[in-house]
Protein backbone atom coordinates (compact mmCIF):
# COMPACT_ATOMS: atom_id res chain seq x y z
CA MET A 1 114.72 87.63 78.94
CA LEU A 2 113.10 85.11 76.63
CA GLY A 3 111.82 87.96 74.39
CA GLN A 4 115.39 89.26 74.04
CA ILE A 5 116.67 85.82 73.03
CA GLU A 6 113.96 85.50 70.41
CA VAL A 7 114.77 89.01 69.02
CA ARG A 8 118.45 88.17 68.98
CA ASP A 9 117.75 84.82 67.25
CA ALA A 10 115.50 86.50 64.73
CA ALA A 11 118.21 89.13 63.98
CA LEU A 12 120.83 86.42 63.58
CA GLN A 13 118.58 84.42 61.21
CA SER A 14 117.90 87.56 59.20
CA ALA A 15 121.60 88.36 58.98
CA GLN A 16 122.33 84.79 57.97
CA ASN A 17 119.63 84.91 55.25
CA GLN A 18 121.01 88.18 53.87
CA LEU A 19 124.56 86.75 53.89
CA GLU A 20 123.47 83.65 52.08
CA GLN A 21 121.61 85.77 49.52
CA ARG A 22 124.69 87.90 48.97
CA VAL A 23 126.89 84.75 48.55
CA ASP A 24 124.41 83.42 46.00
CA GLU A 25 124.44 86.72 44.04
CA ARG A 26 128.23 86.87 44.12
CA THR A 27 128.47 83.24 43.02
CA PHE A 28 126.18 83.98 40.09
CA GLN A 29 128.28 87.02 39.11
CA LEU A 30 131.48 85.01 39.39
CA ALA A 31 130.09 82.24 37.15
CA ALA A 32 129.03 84.82 34.59
CA ALA A 33 132.40 86.46 34.59
CA ASN A 34 134.15 83.06 34.18
CA GLU A 35 131.92 82.32 31.15
CA GLU A 36 132.87 85.68 29.60
CA LEU A 37 136.56 84.94 30.23
CA GLU A 38 136.31 81.49 28.67
CA SER A 39 134.61 82.97 25.64
CA PHE A 40 137.21 85.70 25.31
CA SER A 41 140.08 83.15 25.74
CA TYR A 42 138.57 80.96 23.00
CA SER A 43 138.18 83.85 20.63
CA VAL A 44 141.74 85.10 21.23
CA SER A 45 143.13 81.59 20.72
CA HIS A 46 141.16 81.11 17.58
CA ASP A 47 142.17 84.54 16.17
CA LEU A 48 145.92 83.87 16.79
CA ARG A 49 146.01 80.51 15.02
CA SER A 50 146.06 81.95 11.49
CA PRO A 51 148.97 84.39 12.05
CA LEU A 52 150.88 81.65 13.92
CA ARG A 53 150.44 79.26 10.97
CA THR A 54 151.68 81.96 8.66
CA ILE A 55 154.76 82.69 10.76
CA ASP A 56 155.48 78.96 10.98
CA GLY A 57 154.99 78.53 7.28
CA PHE A 58 157.31 81.34 6.27
CA SER A 59 159.89 80.27 8.79
CA HIS A 60 159.74 76.75 7.32
CA ALA A 61 160.05 78.09 3.77
CA LEU A 62 163.08 80.15 4.75
CA LEU A 63 164.73 77.13 6.28
CA GLU A 64 164.04 75.04 3.18
CA ASP A 65 164.92 77.65 0.57
CA CYS A 66 167.70 79.59 2.22
CA ALA A 67 169.37 77.24 4.63
CA ASP A 68 172.53 77.15 2.63
CA ARG A 69 172.83 80.96 2.90
CA LEU A 70 172.11 81.15 6.59
CA ASP A 71 174.68 80.72 9.28
CA ASP A 72 174.11 78.57 12.37
CA THR A 73 172.69 81.51 14.27
CA GLY A 74 170.17 82.27 11.57
CA ARG A 75 169.04 78.65 11.35
CA THR A 76 168.79 78.50 15.16
CA HIS A 77 166.63 81.61 15.22
CA LEU A 78 164.28 80.22 12.64
CA ASN A 79 164.05 76.92 14.42
CA ARG A 80 163.26 78.69 17.66
CA ILE A 81 160.60 80.79 15.89
CA ARG A 82 159.01 77.55 14.50
CA ALA A 83 159.17 75.79 17.85
CA ALA A 84 157.53 78.80 19.59
CA THR A 85 154.68 79.05 17.10
CA GLN A 86 154.04 75.33 17.24
CA ARG A 87 154.00 75.46 21.04
CA MET A 88 151.45 78.21 20.90
CA GLY A 89 149.05 75.95 19.06
CA CYS A 90 149.53 76.52 15.40
């Protein structure tokens, strides 16, 4: 009986070691994936700043130069465009 308990304990210990190793491997993979996502997010954010600044700049120019020729709806749309580009980090 003692031999069976030792075999069972050894099997449990082996299974626990394998599980811990798998958890460590998955944790490493998850950390690597998170780093890649952070890098991608930074790159996308950086790449969008220039077009957003351009949209904001032209919207501002339209408001300044053509405000007298726009109705309230047109001015509202341009102000909403500007607000959205500024919110996005322009």
